[in-house]
């Protein structure tokens, strides 16, 4: 198929956490996958020309439930500048998502310096953004794309403690949220990885 031929042989896939990276490696054995840490804490350069950010995201709008596939046409960087995602990659991932039975949302995505909560979600939704992550807008490549799947939503938010998961688990107040994350985060990470994999076949 035409979309599959657009997938670069030197594609680099960036995943923030070990959960997201494992999902990609299982779906795409042999792929070049970098586990970068949240907000690229462990790696910030050396990606290559074609880079795809794959993993979890937060929804900024109430009409995007957990499990929604995001394939943004544009990413808003933390400094407010915008980067256009590669049209051919976006088209390939949209087609891949649909082939798996998911209708992707292609509105712009925000990359934030922190977990977006409360009224801040609505502010960015009014500015046209559908979702938020903490990595994609920090990447610099000739061809960039993102495949993200919604985990947290305006109705079910993540506590800011989860920027440091090991520390968050020490607080019993976070344990109910931890049970929800243990159930839904792996499922959403797998979905994102499956969409990327479907575009390679």
C-alpha atoms as a PDB file:
ATOM      1  CA  UNK A   1       0.000   0.000   0.000  1.00  0.00           C
ATOM      2  CA  UNK A   2       1.202   3.524  -0.685  1.00  0.00           C
ATOM      3  CA  UNK A   3       1.279   4.562   2.973  1.00  0.00           C
ATOM      4  CA  UNK A   4       3.477   1.612   3.885  1.00  0.00           C
ATOM      5  CA  UNK A   5       6.059   2.586   1.266  1.00  0.00           C
ATOM      6  CA  UNK A   6       6.319   6.051   2.873  1.00  0.00           C
ATOM      7  CA  UNK A   7       7.643   4.523   6.096  1.00  0.00           C
ATOM      8  CA  UNK A   8      11.357   5.261   6.207  1.00  0.00           C
ATOM      9  CA  UNK A   9      13.706   2.310   6.729  1.00  0.00           C
ATOM     10  CA  UNK A  10      15.656   4.500   9.186  1.00  0.00           C
ATOM     11  CA  UNK A  11      12.629   5.404  11.269  1.00  0.00           C
ATOM     12  CA  UNK A  12      13.363   6.094  14.934  1.00  0.00           C
ATOM     13  CA  UNK A  13      10.596   5.561  17.468  1.00  0.00           C
ATOM     14  CA  UNK A  14      10.744   7.526  20.692  1.00  0.00           C
ATOM     15  CA  UNK A  15       8.935   6.307  23.814  1.00  0.00           C
ATOM     16  CA  UNK A  16       9.087   8.051  27.173  1.00  0.00           C
ATOM     17  CA  UNK A  17       8.765   5.153  29.598  1.00  0.00           C
ATOM     18  CA  UNK A  18       9.715   1.487  29.782  1.00  0.00           C
ATOM     19  CA  UNK A  19       6.013   0.572  29.504  1.00  0.00           C
ATOM     20  CA  UNK A  20       5.673   2.448  26.204  1.00  0.00           C
ATOM     21  CA  UNK A  21       9.026   1.248  24.867  1.00  0.00           C
ATOM     22  CA  UNK A  22       8.207  -2.406  25.627  1.00  0.00           C
ATOM     23  CA  UNK A  23       4.904  -2.084  23.789  1.00  0.00           C
ATOM     24  CA  UNK A  24       6.676  -0.766  20.682  1.00  0.00           C
ATOM     25  CA  UNK A  25       9.373  -3.440  20.783  1.00  0.00           C
ATOM     26  CA  UNK A  26       6.754  -6.187  21.020  1.00  0.00           C
ATOM     27  CA  UNK A  27       4.706  -4.770  18.155  1.00  0.00           C
ATOM     28  CA  UNK A  28       7.742  -3.944  15.999  1.00  0.00           C
ATOM     29  CA  UNK A  29      10.609  -6.362  16.671  1.00  0.00           C
ATOM     30  CA  UNK A  30      13.865  -4.970  15.337  1.00  0.00           C
ATOM     31  CA  UNK A  31      12.702  -1.360  15.250  1.00  0.00           C
ATOM     32  CA  UNK A  32      14.984   1.393  16.501  1.00  0.00           C
ATOM     33  CA  UNK A  33      13.385   2.450  19.782  1.00  0.00           C
ATOM     34  CA  UNK A  34      14.724   4.999  22.242  1.00  0.00           C
ATOM     35  CA  UNK A  35      13.357   5.104  25.791  1.00  0.00           C
ATOM     36  CA  UNK A  36      13.910   8.734  26.705  1.00  0.00           C
ATOM     37  CA  UNK A  37      12.335   9.229  30.106  1.00  0.00           C
ATOM     38  CA  UNK A  38       9.509  11.670  30.737  1.00  0.00           C
ATOM     39  CA  UNK A  39      10.128  15.008  28.986  1.00  0.00           C
ATOM     40  CA  UNK A  40      13.220  13.449  27.349  1.00  0.00           C
ATOM     41  CA  UNK A  41      14.967  13.390  30.720  1.00  0.00           C
ATOM     42  CA  UNK A  42      17.472  10.753  29.550  1.00  0.00           C
ATOM     43  CA  UNK A  43      18.047  11.662  25.907  1.00  0.00           C
ATOM     44  CA  UNK A  44      17.557  14.860  23.908  1.00  0.00           C
ATOM     45  CA  UNK A  45      19.344  14.415  20.554  1.00  0.00           C
ATOM     46  CA  UNK A  46      20.663  11.983  17.970  1.00  0.00           C
ATOM     47  CA  UNK A  47      17.316  10.852  16.628  1.00  0.00           C
ATOM     48  CA  UNK A  48      17.944  10.714  12.873  1.00  0.00           C
ATOM     49  CA  UNK A  49      15.868  12.275  10.132  1.00  0.00           C
ATOM     50  CA  UNK A  50      12.534  10.491  10.651  1.00  0.00           C
ATOM     51  CA  UNK A  51      11.189  10.318  14.188  1.00  0.00           C
ATOM     52  CA  UNK A  52       7.865   9.100  15.562  1.00  0.00           C
ATOM     53  CA  UNK A  53       6.789   9.741  19.130  1.00  0.00           C
ATOM     54  CA  UNK A  54       4.709   6.792  20.339  1.00  0.00           C
ATOM     55  CA  UNK A  55       2.889   6.278  23.610  1.00  0.00           C
ATOM     56  CA  UNK A  56       0.400   7.849  25.985  1.00  0.00           C
ATOM     57  CA  UNK A  57      -1.211  11.277  26.080  1.00  0.00           C
ATOM     58  CA  UNK A  58      -3.729  13.272  28.046  1.00  0.00           C
ATOM     59  CA  UNK A  59      -6.980  14.512  26.526  1.00  0.00           C
ATOM     60  CA  UNK A  60      -7.669  18.225  26.679  1.00  0.00           C
ATOM     61  CA  UNK A  61     -11.316  17.840  25.640  1.00  0.00           C
ATOM     62  CA  UNK A  62     -14.103  15.983  27.354  1.00  0.00           C
ATOM     63  CA  UNK A  63     -15.198  14.230  24.157  1.00  0.00           C
ATOM     64  CA  UNK A  64     -11.954  12.213  23.934  1.00  0.00           C
ATOM     65  CA  UNK A  65     -12.174   9.176  26.226  1.00  0.00           C
ATOM     66  CA  UNK A  66      -9.373   6.922  27.364  1.00  0.00           C
ATOM     67  CA  UNK A  67      -8.250   4.863  24.367  1.00  0.00           C
ATOM     68  CA  UNK A  68      -8.692   7.609  21.752  1.00  0.00           C
ATOM     69  CA  UNK A  69      -5.934   7.518  19.109  1.00  0.00           C
ATOM     70  CA  UNK A  70      -4.248  10.864  18.423  1.00  0.00           C
ATOM     71  CA  UNK A  71      -2.321  11.431  15.186  1.00  0.00           C
ATOM     72  CA  UNK A  72      -1.739  15.204  15.261  1.00  0.00           C
ATOM     73  CA  UNK A  73      -1.070  17.215  12.139  1.00  0.00           C
ATOM     74  CA  UNK A  74       0.791  19.771  14.248  1.00  0.00           C
ATOM     75  CA  UNK A  75       2.504  19.957  17.633  1.00  0.00           C
ATOM     76  CA  UNK A  76       2.712  23.032  19.854  1.00  0.00           C
ATOM     77  CA  UNK A  77       6.083  23.211  21.568  1.00  0.00           C
ATOM     78  CA  UNK A  78       6.423  24.356  25.201  1.00  0.00           C
ATOM     79  CA  UNK A  79       7.676  27.742  23.975  1.00  0.00           C
ATOM     80  CA  UNK A  80       4.497  28.226  21.933  1.00  0.00           C
ATOM     81  CA  UNK A  81       6.037  27.631  18.503  1.00  0.00           C
ATOM     82  CA  UNK A  82       4.429  25.048  16.253  1.00  0.00           C
ATOM     83  CA  UNK A  83       5.883  22.222  14.206  1.00  0.00           C
ATOM     84  CA  UNK A  84       4.054  20.584  11.320  1.00  0.00           C
ATOM     85  CA  UNK A  85       4.079  16.798  11.350  1.00  0.00           C
ATOM     86  CA  UNK A  86       5.174  15.084   8.111  1.00  0.00           C
ATOM     87  CA  UNK A  87       2.100  14.786   5.910  1.00  0.00           C
ATOM     88  CA  UNK A  88       2.999  11.329   4.584  1.00  0.00           C
ATOM     89  CA  UNK A  89       3.548   9.936   8.064  1.00  0.00           C
ATOM     90  CA  UNK A  90       0.293  11.408   9.338  1.00  0.00           C
ATOM     91  CA  UNK A  91      -1.567   9.887   6.374  1.00  0.00           C
ATOM     92  CA  UNK A  92       0.038   6.490   6.982  1.00  0.00           C
ATOM     93  CA  UNK A  93      -0.837   6.433  10.686  1.00  0.00           C
ATOM     94  CA  UNK A  94      -4.380   7.645  10.066  1.00  0.00           C
ATOM     95  CA  UNK A  95      -4.862   4.801   7.575  1.00  0.00           C
ATOM     96  CA  UNK A  96      -3.266   2.328   9.999  1.00  0.00           C
ATOM     97  CA  UNK A  97      -5.521   3.391  12.868  1.00  0.00           C
ATOM     98  CA  UNK A  98      -8.599   3.028  10.691  1.00  0.00           C
ATOM     99  CA  UNK A  99      -7.454  -0.406   9.520  1.00  0.00           C
ATOM    100  CA  UNK A 100      -7.489  -1.459  13.191  1.00  0.00           C
ATOM    101  CA  UNK A 101     -10.947  -0.030  13.769  1.00  0.00           C
ATOM    102  CA  UNK A 102      -9.980   3.257  15.436  1.00  0.00           C
ATOM    103  CA  UNK A 103     -10.944   6.682  14.115  1.00  0.00           C
ATOM    104  CA  UNK A 104      -7.962   8.917  14.946  1.00  0.00           C
ATOM    105  CA  UNK A 105      -8.159  12.533  16.034  1.00  0.00           C
ATOM    106  CA  UNK A 106      -5.776  14.710  14.003  1.00  0.00           C
ATOM    107  CA  UNK A 107      -6.162  18.069  15.758  1.00  0.00           C
ATOM    108  CA  UNK A 108      -2.955  19.688  17.071  1.00  0.00           C
ATOM    109  CA  UNK A 109      -1.304  18.322  20.199  1.00  0.00           C
ATOM    110  CA  UNK A 110       0.393  20.308  22.945  1.00  0.00           C
ATOM    111  CA  UNK A 111       3.743  19.346  24.430  1.00  0.00           C
ATOM    112  CA  UNK A 112       3.815  20.668  27.976  1.00  0.00           C
ATOM    113  CA  UNK A 113       6.592  21.080  30.523  1.00  0.00           C
ATOM    114  CA  UNK A 114       4.362  19.520  33.191  1.00  0.00           C
ATOM    115  CA  UNK A 115       1.161  17.538  33.735  1.00  0.00           C
ATOM    116  CA  UNK A 116      -1.771  19.630  32.521  1.00  0.00           C
ATOM    117  CA  UNK A 117      -4.698  19.649  34.938  1.00  0.00           C
ATOM    118  CA  UNK A 118      -7.926  21.456  35.683  1.00  0.00           C
ATOM    119  CA  UNK A 119      -8.777  24.681  33.910  1.00  0.00           C
ATOM    120  CA  UNK A 120      -5.516  24.597  31.932  1.00  0.00           C
ATOM    121  CA  UNK A 121      -6.909  21.733  29.852  1.00  0.00           C
ATOM    122  CA  UNK A 122      -9.852  23.865  28.758  1.00  0.00           C
ATOM    123  CA  UNK A 123      -7.553  26.778  27.885  1.00  0.00           C
ATOM    124  CA  UNK A 124      -5.550  24.655  25.459  1.00  0.00           C
ATOM    125  CA  UNK A 125      -8.673  22.964  24.101  1.00  0.00           C
ATOM    126  CA  UNK A 126     -10.026  26.394  23.182  1.00  0.00           C
ATOM    127  CA  UNK A 127      -6.764  27.029  21.341  1.00  0.00           C
ATOM    128  CA  UNK A 128      -7.466  24.005  19.161  1.00  0.00           C
ATOM    129  CA  UNK A 129      -5.387  21.290  20.824  1.00  0.00           C
ATOM    130  CA  UNK A 130      -6.910  17.869  21.369  1.00  0.00           C
ATOM    131  CA  UNK A 131      -4.254  16.226  23.526  1.00  0.00           C
ATOM    132  CA  UNK A 132      -1.071  16.793  25.473  1.00  0.00           C
ATOM    133  CA  UNK A 133       2.200  14.968  26.000  1.00  0.00           C
ATOM    134  CA  UNK A 134       5.612  15.944  27.388  1.00  0.00           C
ATOM    135  CA  UNK A 135       7.968  14.757  24.646  1.00  0.00           C
ATOM    136  CA  UNK A 136       6.952  15.248  21.010  1.00  0.00           C
ATOM    137  CA  UNK A 137       7.468  19.003  20.851  1.00  0.00           C
ATOM    138  CA  UNK A 138      10.975  18.620  22.274  1.00  0.00           C
ATOM    139  CA  UNK A 139      12.067  16.441  19.344  1.00  0.00           C
ATOM    140  CA  UNK A 140      13.868  17.936  16.367  1.00  0.00           C
ATOM    141  CA  UNK A 141      13.925  15.977  13.105  1.00  0.00           C
ATOM    142  CA  UNK A 142      13.408  16.606   9.416  1.00  0.00           C
ATOM    143  CA  UNK A 143      10.288  14.423   9.493  1.00  0.00           C
ATOM    144  CA  UNK A 144       8.316  14.167  12.708  1.00  0.00           C
ATOM    145  CA  UNK A 145       5.067  12.436  13.629  1.00  0.00           C
ATOM    146  CA  UNK A 146       3.257  11.267  16.734  1.00  0.00           C
ATOM    147  CA  UNK A 147       0.941   8.396  17.541  1.00  0.00           C
ATOM    148  CA  UNK A 148      -0.429   8.830  21.024  1.00  0.00           C
ATOM    149  CA  UNK A 149      -3.332   7.211  22.838  1.00  0.00           C
ATOM    150  CA  UNK A 150      -5.343   9.045  25.485  1.00  0.00           C
ATOM    151  CA  UNK A 151      -4.941   7.825  29.052  1.00  0.00           C
ATOM    152  CA  UNK A 152      -6.010  10.654  31.361  1.00  0.00           C
ATOM    153  CA  UNK A 153      -8.960  12.915  30.597  1.00  0.00           C
ATOM    154  CA  UNK A 154     -10.594  16.034  32.072  1.00  0.00           C
ATOM    155  CA  UNK A 155     -12.922  13.672  33.967  1.00  0.00           C
ATOM    156  CA  UNK A 156     -10.083  11.471  35.227  1.00  0.00           C
ATOM    157  CA  UNK A 157      -6.892  13.405  35.810  1.00  0.00           C
ATOM    158  CA  UNK A 158      -3.416  12.325  36.781  1.00  0.00           C
ATOM    159  CA  UNK A 159      -1.950  13.736  39.968  1.00  0.00           C
ATOM    160  CA  UNK A 160       1.229  15.730  39.406  1.00  0.00           C
ATOM    161  CA  UNK A 161       3.044  13.215  41.650  1.00  0.00           C
ATOM    162  CA  UNK A 162       3.182  10.831  38.662  1.00  0.00           C
ATOM    163  CA  UNK A 163       5.992  12.851  37.137  1.00  0.00           C
ATOM    164  CA  UNK A 164       8.048  10.706  39.564  1.00  0.00           C
ATOM    165  CA  UNK A 165       6.235   7.334  39.607  1.00  0.00           C
ATOM    166  CA  UNK A 166       8.370   5.620  42.248  1.00  0.00           C
ATOM    167  CA  UNK A 167       7.815   8.525  44.606  1.00  0.00           C
ATOM    168  CA  UNK A 168       4.094   8.630  43.802  1.00  0.00           C
ATOM    169  CA  UNK A 169       3.684   5.004  44.824  1.00  0.00           C
ATOM    170  CA  UNK A 170       4.981   5.776  48.308  1.00  0.00           C
ATOM    171  CA  UNK A 171       1.932   7.951  48.997  1.00  0.00           C
ATOM    172  CA  UNK A 172      -1.167   5.870  49.863  1.00  0.00           C
ATOM    173  CA  UNK A 173      -3.375   8.637  48.459  1.00  0.00           C
ATOM    174  CA  UNK A 174      -2.102   7.687  44.996  1.00  0.00           C
ATOM    175  CA  UNK A 175      -2.833   3.964  45.299  1.00  0.00           C
ATOM    176  CA  UNK A 176      -6.374   4.058  43.812  1.00  0.00           C
ATOM    177  CA  UNK A 177      -4.955   5.946  40.834  1.00  0.00           C
ATOM    178  CA  UNK A 178      -2.115   3.424  40.604  1.00  0.00           C
ATOM    179  CA  UNK A 179      -4.639   0.588  40.200  1.00  0.00           C
ATOM    180  CA  UNK A 180      -6.334   2.464  37.356  1.00  0.00           C
ATOM    181  CA  UNK A 181      -2.966   3.133  35.690  1.00  0.00           C
ATOM    182  CA  UNK A 182      -1.936  -0.511  36.022  1.00  0.00           C
ATOM    183  CA  UNK A 183      -5.102  -1.529  34.171  1.00  0.00           C
ATOM    184  CA  UNK A 184      -5.395   1.117  31.443  1.00  0.00           C
ATOM    185  CA  UNK A 185      -1.871   2.373  30.739  1.00  0.00           C
ATOM    186  CA  UNK A 186      -0.578  -0.922  29.245  1.00  0.00           C
ATOM    187  CA  UNK A 187      -3.687  -1.242  27.060  1.00  0.00           C
ATOM    188  CA  UNK A 188      -3.295   2.297  25.726  1.00  0.00           C
ATOM    189  CA  UNK A 189       0.448   1.881  25.144  1.00  0.00           C
ATOM    190  CA  UNK A 190      -0.213  -1.314  23.174  1.00  0.00           C
ATOM    191  CA  UNK A 191      -2.782   0.456  21.039  1.00  0.00           C
ATOM    192  CA  UNK A 192      -0.339   3.214  20.092  1.00  0.00           C
ATOM    193  CA  UNK A 193       2.336   0.648  19.236  1.00  0.00           C
ATOM    194  CA  UNK A 194      -0.105  -1.413  17.162  1.00  0.00           C
ATOM    195  CA  UNK A 195      -1.008   1.620  15.064  1.00  0.00           C
ATOM    196  CA  UNK A 196       2.671   2.313  14.335  1.00  0.00           C
ATOM    197  CA  UNK A 197       3.225  -1.346  13.511  1.00  0.00           C
ATOM    198  CA  UNK A 198       0.189  -1.490  11.198  1.00  0.00           C
ATOM    199  CA  UNK A 199       1.655   1.296   9.070  1.00  0.00           C
ATOM    200  CA  UNK A 200       4.806  -0.755   8.466  1.00  0.00           C
ATOM    201  CA  UNK A 201       3.036  -3.765   6.928  1.00  0.00           C
END
